Amino acid sequence: MVIDTLFDNASSVMTVVSFITFAGILWWAYGHHKEADFATAAELPFADDEEIHHG
């Protein structure tokens, strides 16, 4: 039936879209342009509360 073909095609398209989204998230998270941001975030637990609130 036509509806079965439609659902099969939609399933294939969603699989590809999901994989591309996953790959994009990996690229964003592990890209070299984020190293400075991650280093700053890693130091936040060790920062004094006064320094965070006052700059």
C-alpha atoms as a PDB file:
ATOM      1  CA  MET A   1       0.000   0.000   0.000  1.00  0.00           C
ATOM      2  CA  VAL A   2       0.986   3.603  -0.442  1.00  0.00           C
ATOM      3  CA  ILE A   3       0.802   4.376   3.273  1.00  0.00           C
ATOM      4  CA  ASP A   4       3.340   1.627   4.071  1.00  0.00           C
ATOM      5  CA  THR A   5       5.784   3.077   1.542  1.00  0.00           C
ATOM      6  CA  LEU A   6       5.233   6.545   2.998  1.00  0.00           C
ATOM      7  CA  PHE A   7       5.999   5.361   6.532  1.00  0.00           C
ATOM      8  CA  ASP A   8       9.076   3.434   5.356  1.00  0.00           C
ATOM      9  CA  ASN A   9      10.400   6.528   3.586  1.00  0.00           C
ATOM     10  CA  ALA A  10       9.625   8.766   6.575  1.00  0.00           C
ATOM     11  CA  SER A  11      11.425   6.344   8.870  1.00  0.00           C
ATOM     12  CA  SER A  12      14.500   6.366   6.631  1.00  0.00           C
ATOM     13  CA  VAL A  13      14.502  10.155   6.431  1.00  0.00           C
ATOM     14  CA  MET A  14      14.183  10.526  10.207  1.00  0.00           C
ATOM     15  CA  THR A  15      17.074   8.097  10.724  1.00  0.00           C
ATOM     16  CA  VAL A  16      19.299  10.185   8.466  1.00  0.00           C
ATOM     17  CA  VAL A  17      18.170  13.452  10.082  1.00  0.00           C
ATOM     18  CA  SER A  18      18.810  12.022  13.561  1.00  0.00           C
ATOM     19  CA  PHE A  19      22.300  10.853  12.596  1.00  0.00           C
ATOM     20  CA  ILE A  20      23.162  14.235  11.084  1.00  0.00           C
ATOM     21  CA  THR A  21      21.893  15.966  14.236  1.00  0.00           C
ATOM     22  CA  PHE A  22      23.980  13.641  16.422  1.00  0.00           C
ATOM     23  CA  ALA A  23      27.075  14.262  14.304  1.00  0.00           C
ATOM     24  CA  GLY A  24      26.454  18.016  14.526  1.00  0.00           C
ATOM     25  CA  ILE A  25      26.222  17.882  18.303  1.00  0.00           C
ATOM     26  CA  LEU A  26      29.488  15.937  18.472  1.00  0.00           C
ATOM     27  CA  TRP A  27      31.177  18.462  16.165  1.00  0.00           C
ATOM     28  CA  TRP A  28      29.880  21.360  18.268  1.00  0.00           C
ATOM     29  CA  ALA A  29      30.892  19.788  21.586  1.00  0.00           C
ATOM     30  CA  TYR A  30      34.348  18.612  20.599  1.00  0.00           C
ATOM     31  CA  GLY A  31      35.313  21.344  18.163  1.00  0.00           C
ATOM     32  CA  HIS A  32      38.545  23.166  18.962  1.00  0.00           C
ATOM     33  CA  HIS A  33      36.781  26.518  19.107  1.00  0.00           C
ATOM     34  CA  LYS A  34      35.100  25.466  22.370  1.00  0.00           C
ATOM     35  CA  GLU A  35      38.225  24.600  24.368  1.00  0.00           C
ATOM     36  CA  ALA A  36      38.445  28.024  26.016  1.00  0.00           C
ATOM     37  CA  ASP A  37      34.761  27.949  26.981  1.00  0.00           C
ATOM     38  CA  PHE A  38      35.094  24.476  28.490  1.00  0.00           C
ATOM     39  CA  ALA A  39      38.249  25.455  30.375  1.00  0.00           C
ATOM     40  CA  THR A  40      36.432  28.439  31.867  1.00  0.00           C
ATOM     41  CA  ALA A  41      33.441  26.284  32.818  1.00  0.00           C
ATOM     42  CA  ALA A  42      35.726  23.688  34.413  1.00  0.00           C
ATOM     43  CA  GLU A  43      37.121  26.341  36.767  1.00  0.00           C
ATOM     44  CA  LEU A  44      33.721  27.602  37.958  1.00  0.00           C
ATOM     45  CA  PRO A  45      33.372  25.189  40.916  1.00  0.00           C
ATOM     46  CA  PHE A  46      36.675  26.466  42.306  1.00  0.00           C
ATOM     47  CA  ALA A  47      35.892  30.163  41.973  1.00  0.00           C
ATOM     48  CA  ASP A  48      34.958  32.156  45.057  1.00  0.00           C
ATOM     49  CA  ASP A  49      31.334  33.217  45.364  1.00  0.00           C
ATOM     50  CA  GLU A  50      32.413  36.835  45.776  1.00  0.00           C
ATOM     51  CA  GLU A  51      34.378  36.749  42.530  1.00  0.00           C
ATOM     52  CA  ILE A  52      31.447  35.293  40.599  1.00  0.00           C
ATOM     53  CA  HIS A  53      28.931  37.828  41.925  1.00  0.00           C
ATOM     54  CA  HIS A  54      31.146  40.873  41.648  1.00  0.00           C
ATOM     55  CA  GLY A  55      32.937  40.185  38.449  1.00  0.00           C
END
